[in-house]
Amino acid sequence: MFGLLHLSTYDWNFAQVLLVIAFARSPFTLATLRSDSIYSGYFIHLAYDWIAFLSYILTHD
């Protein structure tokens, strides 16, 4: 369901949305399942987003 919220970002390409979101989500899901806590997946997702955000900010004018 979450992946479908990104449809406009991927020009309404359902296959790309489902594959890209599923692939990108894998580490977060694995961390959640291994630790039996949603917080580990949340914090890994947060770190991933901040790294991506900061790298963008630092490399663009």
Protein backbone atom coordinates (compact mmCIF):
# COMPACT_ATOMS: atom_id res chain seq x y z
CA MET A 1 0.00 0.00 0.00
CA PHE A 2 2.82 2.39 0.90
CA GLY A 3 4.49 1.82 -2.46
CA LEU A 4 1.33 2.79 -4.30
CA LEU A 5 1.49 6.23 -2.69
CA HIS A 6 4.62 6.83 -4.80
CA LEU A 7 2.91 6.25 -8.15
CA SER A 8 3.08 9.88 -9.26
CA THR A 9 6.82 9.94 -8.53
CA TYR A 10 7.36 7.06 -10.97
CA ASP A 11 5.02 8.38 -13.68
CA TRP A 12 2.27 5.91 -12.74
CA ASN A 13 4.40 2.86 -13.59
CA PHE A 14 2.96 0.18 -11.27
CA ALA A 15 5.68 -2.42 -11.89
CA GLN A 16 8.48 0.02 -11.22
CA VAL A 17 6.84 1.29 -8.04
CA LEU A 18 6.27 -2.18 -6.65
CA LEU A 19 9.75 -3.43 -7.55
CA VAL A 20 11.69 -0.34 -6.47
CA ILE A 21 9.84 0.12 -3.21
CA ALA A 22 10.02 -3.61 -2.39
CA PHE A 23 13.76 -3.70 -3.09
CA ALA A 24 14.47 -0.51 -1.14
CA ARG A 25 12.32 -1.69 1.77
CA SER A 26 14.09 -5.06 2.18
CA PRO A 27 16.77 -3.98 4.71
CA PHE A 28 14.18 -2.25 6.88
CA THR A 29 11.90 -5.28 6.87
CA LEU A 30 14.76 -7.68 7.62
CA ALA A 31 15.91 -5.55 10.56
CA THR A 32 12.38 -5.44 11.92
CA LEU A 33 11.93 -9.20 11.62
CA ARG A 34 15.34 -10.06 13.11
CA SER A 35 14.97 -7.77 16.10
CA ASP A 36 11.24 -8.43 16.54
CA SER A 37 10.81 -4.67 16.90
CA ILE A 38 9.53 -2.07 14.48
CA TYR A 39 11.94 0.46 15.99
CA SER A 40 15.04 -1.07 14.40
CA GLY A 41 13.47 -0.86 10.94
CA TYR A 42 12.34 2.67 11.69
CA PHE A 43 15.80 3.85 12.76
CA ILE A 44 17.51 2.23 9.77
CA HIS A 45 14.97 3.88 7.48
CA LEU A 46 15.56 7.21 9.24
CA ALA A 47 19.34 6.89 8.85
CA TYR A 48 18.95 5.93 5.17
CA ASP A 49 16.73 8.95 4.49
CA TRP A 50 19.06 11.35 6.30
CA ILE A 51 22.14 10.03 4.48
CA ALA A 52 20.36 10.45 1.14
CA PHE A 53 19.09 13.90 2.11
CA LEU A 54 22.45 15.15 3.37
CA SER A 55 24.36 13.77 0.40
CA TYR A 56 21.96 15.57 -1.93
CA ILE A 57 22.26 18.84 0.01
CA LEU A 58 26.06 18.66 0.13
CA THR A 59 26.48 17.89 -3.57
CA HIS A 60 24.00 20.39 -5.06
CA ASP A 61 24.07 24.15 -5.06
